[in-house]
Amino acid sequence: MSEIPKQKHQNQAALDLLLQAESLSKNVGDLTLNEGIHKEMADNYLAMGNQNLYQVYSKKYLETRLQREQNELSSINHALDIHNLESKKKVKT
């Protein structure tokens, strides 16, 4: 929803929507959602020339992205471990 005001250079309106989305999503735990919100907030603050808040949300974006990627790698490793165990069982029988 914030992309339309952003494209129209209505950055404060976009930020208002993003701040509301950030507040609503706090307890959800969706890293992809939080990553997108933080990225968009950083972009809007940069467009408005607010370097301090740009850095805050850019850092949040990068931290959330790293956490999401680590979770994905962990999930892949877990799936591979299960696959390897099943393969070993099949070889033994």
Protein backbone atom coordinates (compact mmCIF):
# COMPACT_ATOMS: atom_id res chain seq x y z
CA MET A 1 0.00 0.00 0.00
CA SER A 2 2.88 2.35 0.66
CA GLU A 3 4.36 1.96 -2.81
CA ILE A 4 1.74 4.14 -4.51
CA PRO A 5 2.34 7.20 -2.30
CA LYS A 6 6.09 6.57 -2.62
CA GLN A 7 5.85 6.59 -6.42
CA LYS A 8 3.94 9.87 -6.22
CA HIS A 9 6.73 11.29 -4.01
CA GLN A 10 4.34 11.43 -1.07
CA ASN A 11 6.93 9.95 1.25
CA GLN A 12 5.35 11.04 4.52
CA ALA A 13 2.05 9.40 3.55
CA ALA A 14 3.96 6.23 2.64
CA LEU A 15 5.81 6.35 5.97
CA ASP A 16 2.55 6.78 7.88
CA LEU A 17 1.26 3.56 6.30
CA LEU A 18 4.55 1.77 6.95
CA LEU A 19 4.65 2.84 10.60
CA GLN A 20 1.14 1.47 11.00
CA ALA A 21 2.14 -1.77 9.26
CA GLU A 22 5.24 -2.07 11.46
CA SER A 23 3.10 -1.66 14.57
CA LEU A 24 0.55 -4.23 13.41
CA SER A 25 3.20 -6.77 12.41
CA LYS A 26 5.29 -6.67 15.59
CA ASN A 27 3.77 -9.80 17.11
CA VAL A 28 3.33 -11.69 13.85
CA GLY A 29 6.97 -12.78 13.50
CA ASP A 30 6.95 -12.76 9.69
CA LEU A 31 10.54 -11.96 8.75
CA THR A 32 9.74 -11.44 5.07
CA LEU A 33 7.04 -8.92 5.96
CA ASN A 34 9.31 -7.09 8.41
CA GLU A 35 12.14 -7.10 5.88
CA GLY A 36 9.91 -5.41 3.30
CA ILE A 37 8.58 -2.86 5.76
CA HIS A 38 12.07 -1.90 6.94
CA LYS A 39 13.38 -1.64 3.36
CA GLU A 40 10.53 0.60 2.31
CA MET A 41 10.89 2.76 5.42
CA ALA A 42 14.62 3.17 4.77
CA ASP A 43 13.96 4.14 1.14
CA ASN A 44 11.34 6.72 2.14
CA TYR A 45 13.53 8.26 4.83
CA LEU A 46 16.38 8.48 2.33
CA ALA A 47 14.10 10.18 -0.20
CA MET A 48 13.11 12.69 2.48
CA GLY A 49 16.74 13.37 3.35
CA ASN A 50 16.48 11.95 6.87
CA GLN A 51 19.85 10.25 7.06
CA ASN A 52 19.57 9.19 10.71
CA LEU A 53 16.30 7.31 10.32
CA TYR A 54 17.48 5.96 6.96
CA GLN A 55 20.45 4.37 8.74
CA VAL A 56 18.24 3.00 11.55
CA TYR A 57 15.83 1.29 9.16
CA SER A 58 18.52 0.24 6.72
CA LYS A 59 20.23 -1.55 9.60
CA LYS A 60 16.93 -3.15 10.67
CA TYR A 61 16.36 -4.25 7.07
CA LEU A 62 19.80 -5.85 6.82
CA GLU A 63 19.47 -7.56 10.20
CA THR A 64 16.04 -8.94 9.33
CA ARG A 65 17.27 -10.10 5.92
CA LEU A 66 20.22 -11.90 7.52
CA GLN A 67 17.96 -13.55 10.09
CA ARG A 68 15.54 -14.69 7.37
CA GLU A 69 18.38 -16.10 5.26
CA GLN A 70 19.84 -17.92 8.27
CA ASN A 71 16.42 -19.42 9.04
CA GLU A 72 16.11 -20.59 5.44
CA LEU A 73 19.56 -22.18 5.52
CA SER A 74 18.77 -23.86 8.81
CA SER A 75 15.56 -25.26 7.35
CA ILE A 76 17.41 -26.55 4.28
CA ASN A 77 20.08 -28.16 6.47
CA HIS A 78 17.39 -29.82 8.59
CA ALA A 79 15.68 -31.20 5.48
CA LEU A 80 19.01 -32.51 4.17
CA ASP A 81 19.74 -34.19 7.50
CA ILE A 82 16.39 -35.96 7.41
CA HIS A 83 16.95 -36.99 3.79
CA ASN A 84 20.40 -38.36 4.62
CA LEU A 85 19.04 -40.36 7.57
CA GLU A 86 16.31 -41.85 5.40
CA SER A 87 18.85 -42.69 2.72
CA LYS A 88 21.06 -44.48 5.26
CA LYS A 89 18.06 -46.49 6.50
CA LYS A 90 17.26 -47.57 2.96
CA VAL A 91 20.87 -48.62 2.32
CA LYS A 92 20.90 -50.75 5.50
CA THR A 93 17.77 -52.67 4.48
